[in-house]
Amino acid sequence: MSRSSLPNGLEVHATELPAVHDATVIFAVRAGSRYEPPATNGISHVLEHMMFRGAAAYPSPRELNLAVEELGGTLDAATHVDFTTYELTLPGETFFEGVARFGRILEAPLLLDLALEKKILREELLEDLDEDGRDIDIDNLSRRLLYGSHGLGHTITGTLDGIEKLTEADLRAYLDAHYVGRNAVVAAAGPFDPAAFHALVHGRFAFLRPGDRTHAIAPASGYEDARDRYAFVHDPGSQSDVRVSFPAFGESHPDLVALDLLGRVLDDGMGSRLPHRLRDQLGLVYDAFASIDPYEDVGVFDLGGSVAHAKVSELVRELVGLTDALRSVPVPADELERVRRRYLWDLDRMLDDAHSMASFHAMRTMLGSPHELEDLRRIATNVTADELVRVAKDVFRPSRARVAVVGGMSDRASDKLRSLVADLAK
């Protein structure tokens, strides 16, 4: 991997992968829901949509997309909590021309037809609402439980009323403040000459003004103990959606790899503890999961699944029990070695995937991770069972658990579950 910086502060990363056929380039910018004031929550996501409605070089959405598709490329974008990405994957033979066009797309967005795009955004937002306008997205509910009015508790998509009030002037101001050299990174991987890529990006992306880096404001000290620990939204369906969430580490934390291995002990294939207990032994769920969502400074460890309404409390008890066991009993040597090998194999697989490598370097730069792939390999190789117990004791304290449910429980069942969650805090 090679890196360079433009005079405007833009960081550039290039990874040559001679054996693959496709190449991926990613433009990532520190623009996301955590940086948005409540009045303009959702603006990062709206701007991401509007960037594809035409640019000076390609004045209509169709012209813009054809400029990429005629090169065999696929253009995509996504807004996250603390960054937004624009991604272009191309055959190796058209990669450099594609990067040049990619720069033109990002350089001068026209932001046309905002009213029309709002109609599309409205349909997207309605997917997370019930017929009464209540948010029934379980991830939104769990993040509000954890972070409240802090930016990390905002939804990525915003609200219907808030999106409707946004103007082109709002978008221009946000674009000018966040889409700047010191707040962005370009990363690419694939079968290309890195030196030629750096030279192309230095010329093509010089249009970005330097600007300032957007700094993340951490949640206030003590926020974990000050909030309600349970939330329930009634939504009559065939099952209830359940989340048990623990505050966890950010990208740069030295124990993040150990937490990743703990996550794999719980959920890394059908032989892992979570599916074995919940499916094979209890027949409680069809599908359940454990996952880590790390941000720059903090993160969330989620467990969840969909279950019959009458069995919500049983699922919550089992999920908390699975984490609690990791706090007291060391992971056996053979189990630790199995998840360690699978973690290392996944690192190796990234070297066969241009998108994975470009994304890895873009995200580690965006979120401040100090680790290269070899660092992750070294850390994972040296993690011990005692370290896993220490990290589990830190993260999986029952008093830190937040429980969110969207489903058809009765009020009486919900009250009992609230009492159960309160007991966990004692």
Protein backbone atom coordinates (compact mmCIF):
# COMPACT_ATOMS: atom_id res chain seq x y z
CA MET A 1 0.00 0.00 0.00
CA SER A 2 1.25 3.49 -0.85
CA ARG A 3 -0.06 6.82 0.35
CA SER A 4 0.29 10.49 -0.45
CA SER A 5 -1.38 13.80 0.36
CA LEU A 6 -2.50 16.67 -1.84
CA PRO A 7 -1.70 20.27 -0.92
CA ASN A 8 -5.39 20.64 0.00
CA GLY A 9 -5.02 17.95 2.67
CA LEU A 10 -6.75 15.09 0.82
CA GLU A 11 -5.21 11.74 1.74
CA VAL A 12 -4.72 9.18 -1.01
CA HIS A 13 -4.19 5.43 -0.56
CA ALA A 14 -3.41 2.92 -3.31
CA THR A 15 -3.11 -0.87 -3.04
CA GLU A 16 -1.90 -2.81 -6.06
CA LEU A 17 -3.60 -6.21 -6.43
CA PRO A 18 -2.21 -7.67 -9.68
CA ALA A 19 -4.19 -10.92 -9.50
CA VAL A 20 -7.70 -9.42 -9.43
CA HIS A 21 -9.67 -8.17 -12.43
CA ASP A 22 -11.76 -5.33 -11.00
CA ALA A 23 -10.52 -2.16 -9.32
CA THR A 24 -12.39 -0.04 -6.78
CA VAL A 25 -11.93 3.61 -5.89
CA ILE A 26 -13.67 5.13 -2.87
CA PHE A 27 -14.13 8.77 -1.97
CA ALA A 28 -15.00 8.98 1.73
CA VAL A 29 -15.89 12.13 3.62
CA ARG A 30 -16.57 12.81 7.29
CA ALA A 31 -20.23 13.70 6.79
CA GLY A 32 -22.90 11.75 8.63
CA SER A 33 -25.77 11.93 11.07
CA ARG A 34 -23.58 12.35 14.16
CA TYR A 35 -22.32 15.70 12.85
CA GLU A 36 -25.78 17.11 12.09
CA PRO A 37 -27.73 19.55 14.27
CA PRO A 38 -31.25 18.31 15.06
CA ALA A 39 -32.79 20.89 12.72
CA THR A 40 -30.99 19.45 9.69
CA ASN A 41 -30.78 15.79 10.72
CA GLY A 42 -30.68 13.74 7.52
CA ILE A 43 -28.87 16.33 5.41
CA SER A 44 -25.83 14.07 4.82
CA HIS A 45 -28.12 11.42 3.36
CA VAL A 46 -30.05 13.93 1.24
CA LEU A 47 -26.81 15.34 -0.16
CA GLU A 48 -25.57 11.84 -0.99
CA HIS A 49 -28.69 11.32 -3.09
CA MET A 50 -28.41 14.72 -4.75
CA MET A 51 -24.80 14.18 -5.80
CA PHE A 52 -26.10 11.74 -8.44
CA ARG A 53 -28.68 14.09 -9.94
CA GLY A 54 -26.14 15.53 -12.35
CA ALA A 55 -22.83 17.37 -12.47
CA ALA A 56 -21.39 20.09 -14.70
CA ALA A 57 -19.65 17.46 -16.81
CA TYR A 58 -22.73 15.17 -16.93
CA PRO A 59 -25.80 17.39 -16.55
CA SER A 60 -28.49 14.75 -16.01
CA PRO A 61 -28.71 11.62 -13.82
CA ARG A 62 -28.82 9.43 -16.94
CA GLU A 63 -25.76 11.05 -18.49
CA LEU A 64 -23.92 10.73 -15.19
CA ASN A 65 -24.70 7.04 -14.84
CA LEU A 66 -23.97 6.26 -18.48
CA ALA A 67 -20.55 7.90 -18.12
CA VAL A 68 -19.73 5.16 -15.63
CA GLU A 69 -21.68 2.26 -17.11
CA GLU A 70 -20.16 2.58 -20.60
CA LEU A 71 -16.81 1.86 -18.95
CA GLY A 72 -18.20 -1.30 -17.35
CA GLY A 73 -18.41 0.43 -13.98
CA THR A 74 -20.79 0.37 -11.05
CA LEU A 75 -21.34 3.56 -9.06
CA ASP A 76 -22.68 3.42 -5.52
CA ALA A 77 -22.90 5.55 -2.40
CA ALA A 78 -23.90 5.17 1.24
CA THR A 79 -24.39 7.44 4.23
CA HIS A 80 -23.36 6.18 7.65
CA VAL A 81 -23.36 7.59 11.14
CA ASP A 82 -19.95 9.25 10.83
CA PHE A 83 -19.00 9.17 7.16
CA THR A 84 -20.36 9.04 3.62
CA THR A 85 -18.81 6.99 0.83
CA TYR A 86 -18.95 7.20 -2.96
CA GLU A 87 -17.66 4.03 -4.61
CA LEU A 88 -16.78 3.15 -8.19
CA THR A 89 -15.84 -0.36 -9.30
CA LEU A 90 -14.44 -0.83 -12.79
CA PRO A 91 -12.61 -3.33 -14.98
CA GLY A 92 -8.88 -2.82 -14.70
CA GLU A 93 -8.62 -1.71 -18.34
CA THR A 94 -10.94 1.29 -17.87
CA PHE A 95 -9.93 2.17 -14.32
CA PHE A 96 -7.98 5.37 -14.94
CA GLU A 97 -10.59 6.85 -17.25
CA GLY A 98 -13.20 5.92 -14.67
CA VAL A 99 -11.29 7.68 -11.88
CA ALA A 100 -11.08 10.83 -14.04
CA ARG A 101 -14.84 10.76 -14.61
CA PHE A 102 -15.43 9.99 -10.93
CA GLY A 103 -13.60 13.20 -10.06
CA ARG A 104 -15.74 15.21 -12.49
CA ILE A 105 -18.92 13.78 -10.94
CA LEU A 106 -17.82 14.88 -7.47
CA GLU A 107 -16.34 18.22 -8.54
CA ALA A 108 -19.39 20.22 -9.57
CA PRO A 109 -22.72 18.68 -8.50
CA LEU A 110 -25.71 20.54 -9.90
CA LEU A 111 -28.08 19.50 -7.10
CA LEU A 112 -30.98 19.54 -9.54
CA ASP A 113 -34.61 18.63 -8.85
CA LEU A 114 -34.50 18.64 -5.06
CA ALA A 115 -38.29 18.48 -4.87
CA LEU A 116 -38.30 15.34 -7.01
CA GLU A 117 -35.58 13.68 -4.95
CA LYS A 118 -37.52 14.45 -1.79
CA LYS A 119 -40.33 12.26 -3.13
CA ILE A 120 -37.89 9.37 -3.43
CA LEU A 121 -36.45 10.05 0.01
CA ARG A 122 -39.96 10.14 1.46
CA GLU A 123 -40.59 6.61 0.17
CA GLU A 124 -37.32 5.46 1.75
CA LEU A 125 -38.19 7.01 5.11
CA LEU A 126 -41.68 5.50 5.09
CA GLU A 127 -40.12 2.04 5.15
CA ASP A 128 -39.09 2.73 8.77
CA LEU A 129 -42.48 4.08 9.91
CA ASP A 130 -45.77 2.45 10.80
CA GLU A 131 -49.17 3.74 9.68
CA ASP A 132 -49.20 6.16 12.62
CA GLY A 133 -45.82 7.64 11.69
CA ARG A 134 -43.90 5.96 14.53
CA ASP A 135 -40.33 4.83 13.91
CA ILE A 136 -40.28 1.03 13.97
CA ASP A 137 -36.67 0.60 12.85
CA ILE A 138 -35.09 -1.41 15.68
CA ASP A 139 -31.61 0.01 15.05
CA ASN A 140 -32.88 3.58 15.33
CA LEU A 141 -34.65 2.67 18.55
CA SER A 142 -31.58 1.04 20.11
CA ARG A 143 -29.30 3.98 19.22
CA ARG A 144 -31.69 6.45 20.79
CA LEU A 145 -31.64 4.33 23.93
CA LEU A 146 -27.86 4.43 24.02
CA TYR A 147 -27.18 8.02 22.96
CA GLY A 148 -30.38 10.02 23.33
CA SER A 149 -30.09 13.51 21.81
CA HIS A 150 -26.38 13.14 21.06
CA GLY A 151 -25.58 12.95 17.35
CA LEU A 152 -25.01 9.20 17.62
CA GLY A 153 -28.68 8.89 18.53
CA HIS A 154 -29.81 10.59 15.32
CA THR A 155 -31.26 8.58 12.47
CA ILE A 156 -29.24 8.58 9.27
CA THR A 157 -32.28 9.42 7.15
CA GLY A 158 -33.75 12.18 9.34
CA THR A 159 -37.47 12.87 9.61
CA LEU A 160 -40.15 13.52 7.01
CA ASP A 161 -40.74 17.06 8.24
CA GLY A 162 -37.04 17.83 8.54
CA ILE A 163 -36.21 16.60 5.04
CA GLU A 164 -39.08 18.61 3.57
CA LYS A 165 -37.67 21.83 5.05
CA LEU A 166 -34.16 21.41 3.59
CA THR A 167 -33.26 23.82 0.78
CA GLU A 168 -30.63 23.86 -1.93
CA ALA A 169 -28.87 26.58 0.07
CA ASP A 170 -28.70 24.22 3.06
CA LEU A 171 -27.15 21.52 0.88
CA ARG A 172 -24.65 23.94 -0.67
CA ALA A 173 -23.55 25.15 2.76
CA TYR A 174 -23.14 21.58 4.04
CA LEU A 175 -21.24 20.57 0.90
CA ASP A 176 -18.92 23.55 1.29
CA ALA A 177 -18.24 22.81 4.96
CA HIS A 178 -17.71 19.04 4.81
CA TYR A 179 -16.63 18.07 1.29
CA VAL A 180 -13.12 19.50 1.68
CA GLY A 181 -9.61 18.12 1.40
CA ARG A 182 -8.80 17.81 5.10
CA ASN A 183 -12.09 16.02 5.72
CA ALA A 184 -11.85 13.35 3.02
CA VAL A 185 -9.83 10.44 1.68
CA VAL A 186 -9.52 8.67 -1.67
CA ALA A 187 -8.57 5.00 -1.49
CA ALA A 188 -8.28 2.46 -4.30
CA ALA A 189 -7.23 -1.13 -4.83
CA GLY A 190 -6.86 -3.28 -7.92
CA PRO A 191 -4.62 -4.19 -10.86
CA PHE A 192 -3.19 -0.74 -11.59
CA ASP A 193 0.06 1.18 -11.24
CA PRO A 194 -0.07 2.98 -7.85
CA ALA A 195 2.24 5.78 -8.99
CA ALA A 196 -0.03 6.56 -11.95
CA PHE A 197 -3.07 6.50 -9.68
CA HIS A 198 -1.51 8.97 -7.23
CA ALA A 199 -0.59 11.29 -10.09
CA LEU A 200 -4.12 11.14 -11.51
CA VAL A 201 -5.81 11.85 -8.18
CA HIS A 202 -3.42 14.71 -7.40
CA GLY A 203 -4.51 16.38 -10.62
CA ARG A 204 -8.17 15.40 -10.73
CA PHE A 205 -9.05 16.11 -7.05
CA ALA A 206 -7.19 19.39 -6.67
CA PHE A 207 -10.58 21.13 -6.94
CA LEU A 208 -11.29 20.45 -3.25
CA ARG A 209 -10.54 23.45 -1.08
CA PRO A 210 -8.55 22.57 2.09
CA GLY A 211 -11.27 23.41 4.63
CA ASP A 212 -11.28 21.95 8.14
CA ARG A 213 -11.57 18.44 9.48
CA THR A 214 -14.90 17.70 11.13
CA HIS A 215 -14.27 16.64 14.72
CA ALA A 216 -16.45 14.12 16.52
CA ILE A 217 -17.91 15.17 19.85
CA ALA A 218 -17.89 12.23 22.25
CA PRO A 219 -20.95 11.38 24.33
CA ALA A 220 -20.88 13.04 27.73
CA SER A 221 -19.21 11.19 30.57
CA GLY A 222 -21.68 9.05 32.47
CA TYR A 223 -24.20 8.87 29.63
CA GLU A 224 -24.36 5.09 29.97
CA ASP A 225 -25.84 5.30 33.46
CA ALA A 226 -28.16 8.24 32.89
CA ARG A 227 -30.52 6.79 30.30
CA ASP A 228 -33.52 4.54 30.24
CA ARG A 229 -32.52 0.97 29.50
CA TYR A 230 -35.66 -0.27 27.79
CA ALA A 231 -37.82 0.83 24.86
CA PHE A 232 -40.82 -0.85 23.24
CA VAL A 233 -42.83 0.11 20.17
CA HIS A 234 -45.98 -1.89 19.54
CA ASP A 235 -46.15 -3.16 15.97
CA PRO A 236 -48.56 -6.03 15.36
CA GLY A 237 -46.80 -8.51 13.15
CA SER A 238 -46.02 -12.18 13.24
CA GLN A 239 -42.85 -11.70 15.35
CA SER A 240 -41.09 -9.22 17.58
CA ASP A 241 -37.71 -7.76 16.65
CA VAL A 242 -35.35 -7.70 19.63
CA ARG A 243 -32.04 -5.93 20.30
CA VAL A 244 -29.79 -6.21 23.31
CA SER A 245 -27.09 -3.55 22.94
CA PHE A 246 -23.98 -2.80 24.98
CA PRO A 247 -21.81 0.34 24.74
CA ALA A 248 -18.47 -0.76 23.32
CA PHE A 249 -15.18 0.42 21.80
CA GLY A 250 -14.32 2.71 18.93
CA GLU A 251 -12.06 1.93 15.97
CA SER A 252 -8.81 2.96 17.63
CA HIS A 253 -9.33 1.12 20.92
CA PRO A 254 -6.60 -1.47 21.66
CA ASP A 255 -9.17 -4.09 22.70
CA LEU A 256 -11.31 -3.91 19.56
CA VAL A 257 -9.73 -7.02 18.03
CA ALA A 258 -10.37 -8.99 21.22
CA LEU A 259 -13.99 -7.82 21.15
CA ASP A 260 -14.22 -8.93 17.52
CA LEU A 261 -13.03 -12.39 18.57
CA LEU A 262 -15.64 -12.46 21.34
CA GLY A 263 -18.25 -11.62 18.73
CA ARG A 264 -17.05 -14.56 16.67
CA VAL A 265 -17.27 -16.87 19.67
CA LEU A 266 -20.94 -15.93 19.81
CA ASP A 267 -21.72 -15.74 16.09
CA ASP A 268 -19.34 -16.88 13.37
CA GLY A 269 -21.11 -19.73 11.64
CA MET A 270 -23.81 -22.17 12.67
CA GLY A 271 -21.44 -23.96 15.05
CA SER A 272 -21.01 -20.84 17.19
CA ARG A 273 -22.53 -20.45 20.62
CA LEU A 274 -25.44 -18.19 19.72
CA PRO A 275 -27.04 -20.31 16.97
CA HIS A 276 -26.18 -23.51 18.80
CA ARG A 277 -27.97 -22.39 21.96
CA LEU A 278 -30.92 -20.54 20.45
CA ARG A 279 -31.60 -22.82 17.49
CA ASP A 280 -30.13 -26.25 18.11
CA GLN A 281 -30.85 -26.54 21.83
CA LEU A 282 -33.93 -24.34 22.40
CA GLY A 283 -35.63 -23.98 19.02
CA LEU A 284 -36.28 -20.39 20.07
CA VAL A 285 -35.45 -18.51 16.86
CA TYR A 286 -34.90 -19.08 13.18
CA ASP A 287 -32.26 -16.38 12.92
CA ALA A 288 -30.26 -14.41 15.48
CA PHE A 289 -27.00 -12.51 15.41
CA ALA A 290 -24.20 -10.76 17.28
CA SER A 291 -22.29 -7.87 15.70
CA ILE A 292 -20.00 -4.92 16.46
CA ASP A 293 -20.67 -1.40 15.20
CA PRO A 294 -17.54 0.68 15.94
CA TYR A 295 -17.50 4.43 15.43
CA GLU A 296 -14.50 6.71 15.77
CA ASP A 297 -14.57 7.07 19.56
CA VAL A 298 -17.16 4.61 20.86
CA GLY A 299 -19.13 1.69 19.50
CA VAL A 300 -22.01 -0.71 20.05
CA PHE A 301 -22.10 -4.46 20.48
CA ASP A 302 -25.51 -5.72 19.34
CA LEU A 303 -27.25 -9.04 19.83
CA GLY A 304 -30.68 -9.67 18.42
CA GLY A 305 -33.19 -11.71 16.56
CA SER A 306 -36.83 -12.09 15.65
CA VAL A 307 -39.01 -14.21 17.90
CA ALA A 308 -42.64 -14.98 18.73
CA HIS A 309 -44.17 -12.20 20.83
CA ALA A 310 -44.66 -14.46 23.83
CA LYS A 311 -40.98 -15.44 23.85
CA VAL A 312 -39.35 -12.01 23.86
CA SER A 313 -38.34 -12.15 27.53
CA GLU A 314 -36.92 -15.63 27.08
CA LEU A 315 -34.79 -14.44 24.17
CA VAL A 316 -33.52 -11.44 26.15
CA ARG A 317 -32.56 -13.70 29.07
CA GLU A 318 -30.71 -16.07 26.77
CA LEU A 319 -28.83 -13.30 24.94
CA VAL A 320 -27.71 -11.71 28.21
CA GLY A 321 -26.81 -15.16 29.56
CA LEU A 322 -24.58 -15.89 26.58
CA THR A 323 -22.62 -12.69 27.14
CA ASP A 324 -22.51 -13.17 30.89
CA ALA A 325 -20.90 -16.59 30.47
CA LEU A 326 -18.00 -14.98 28.62
CA ARG A 327 -17.34 -12.79 31.69
CA SER A 328 -16.74 -15.73 34.00
CA VAL A 329 -15.52 -18.75 32.03
CA PRO A 330 -12.46 -18.52 29.73
CA VAL A 331 -13.06 -19.55 26.14
CA PRO A 332 -11.57 -23.06 25.71
CA ALA A 333 -8.31 -23.23 23.77
CA ASP A 334 -9.76 -25.13 20.81
CA GLU A 335 -12.69 -22.71 20.46
CA LEU A 336 -10.41 -19.68 20.66
CA GLU A 337 -8.08 -21.16 18.07
CA ARG A 338 -10.99 -21.84 15.72
CA VAL A 339 -12.34 -18.27 15.81
CA ARG A 340 -8.81 -16.88 15.61
CA ARG A 341 -8.10 -18.87 12.44
CA ARG A 342 -11.38 -17.72 10.89
CA TYR A 343 -10.53 -14.10 11.72
CA LEU A 344 -7.10 -14.43 10.11
CA TRP A 345 -8.56 -16.15 7.03
CA ASP A 346 -10.96 -13.24 6.62
CA LEU A 347 -8.01 -10.85 6.66
CA ASP A 348 -6.35 -12.94 3.94
CA ARG A 349 -9.52 -12.90 1.82
CA MET A 350 -9.42 -9.12 1.74
CA LEU A 351 -6.28 -9.37 -0.40
CA ASP A 352 -8.40 -11.06 -3.08
CA ASP A 353 -11.07 -8.34 -3.10
CA ALA A 354 -10.37 -4.84 -4.42
CA HIS A 355 -13.45 -3.36 -2.79
CA SER A 356 -12.56 -4.79 0.63
CA MET A 357 -9.04 -3.40 0.48
CA ALA A 358 -10.11 0.05 -0.72
CA SER A 359 -12.81 0.17 1.95
CA PHE A 360 -10.39 -0.95 4.67
CA HIS A 361 -7.96 1.87 3.99
CA ALA A 362 -10.70 4.47 3.51
CA MET A 363 -12.40 3.58 6.78
CA ARG A 364 -9.27 3.31 8.91
CA THR A 365 -8.31 6.80 7.74
CA MET A 366 -11.81 8.21 8.29
CA LEU A 367 -12.16 6.77 11.78
CA GLY A 368 -8.58 7.07 13.00
CA SER A 369 -7.64 3.41 13.30
CA PRO A 370 -3.85 3.02 13.66
CA HIS A 371 -3.79 -0.58 12.44
CA GLU A 372 -2.72 -2.01 9.11
CA LEU A 373 -3.70 -5.58 8.19
CA GLU A 374 -0.46 -6.95 9.61
CA ASP A 375 -1.11 -5.16 12.89
CA LEU A 376 -4.52 -6.81 13.13
CA ARG A 377 -2.97 -10.17 12.34
CA ARG A 378 -0.34 -9.74 15.06
CA ILE A 379 -2.87 -8.59 17.67
CA ALA A 380 -5.29 -11.45 16.92
CA THR A 381 -2.51 -14.01 17.04
CA ASN A 382 -1.55 -12.92 20.56
CA VAL A 383 -4.98 -12.52 22.16
CA THR A 384 -5.36 -14.90 25.11
CA ALA A 385 -8.39 -16.42 26.79
CA ASP A 386 -7.71 -14.31 29.91
CA GLU A 387 -7.78 -11.16 27.79
CA LEU A 388 -11.15 -12.18 26.39
CA VAL A 389 -12.51 -12.55 29.91
CA ARG A 390 -11.17 -9.10 30.83
CA VAL A 391 -12.77 -7.48 27.78
CA ALA A 392 -16.04 -9.36 28.31
CA LYS A 393 -16.16 -8.14 31.92
CA ASP A 394 -15.70 -4.60 30.68
CA VAL A 395 -18.23 -4.63 27.83
CA PHE A 396 -20.87 -7.18 28.80
CA ARG A 397 -21.81 -5.82 32.20
CA PRO A 398 -25.54 -6.50 32.56
CA SER A 399 -26.03 -3.02 33.99
CA ARG A 400 -24.91 -1.54 30.66
CA ALA A 401 -27.36 -3.53 28.54
CA ARG A 402 -30.05 -1.67 26.62
CA VAL A 403 -33.05 -3.62 25.35
CA ALA A 404 -35.21 -2.45 22.44
CA VAL A 405 -38.24 -4.31 21.10
CA VAL A 406 -40.52 -3.66 18.14
CA GLY A 407 -43.39 -6.11 18.04
CA GLY A 408 -46.70 -7.35 19.31
CA MET A 409 -46.13 -7.90 23.02
CA SER A 410 -48.99 -7.09 25.35
CA ASP A 411 -48.62 -4.16 27.76
CA ARG A 412 -48.39 -6.65 30.62
CA ALA A 413 -45.56 -8.57 28.94
CA SER A 414 -43.79 -5.29 28.19
CA ASP A 415 -44.02 -4.24 31.85
CA LYS A 416 -42.50 -7.56 32.92
CA LEU A 417 -39.67 -7.15 30.44
CA ARG A 418 -39.03 -3.62 31.71
CA SER A 419 -38.72 -5.05 35.22
CA LEU A 420 -36.31 -7.70 33.95
CA VAL A 421 -34.12 -5.06 32.34
CA ALA A 422 -34.22 -2.98 35.53
CA ASP A 423 -33.07 -6.03 37.50
CA LEU A 424 -30.06 -6.37 35.20
CA ALA A 425 -28.89 -2.95 36.32
CA LYS A 426 -28.77 -3.94 40.00
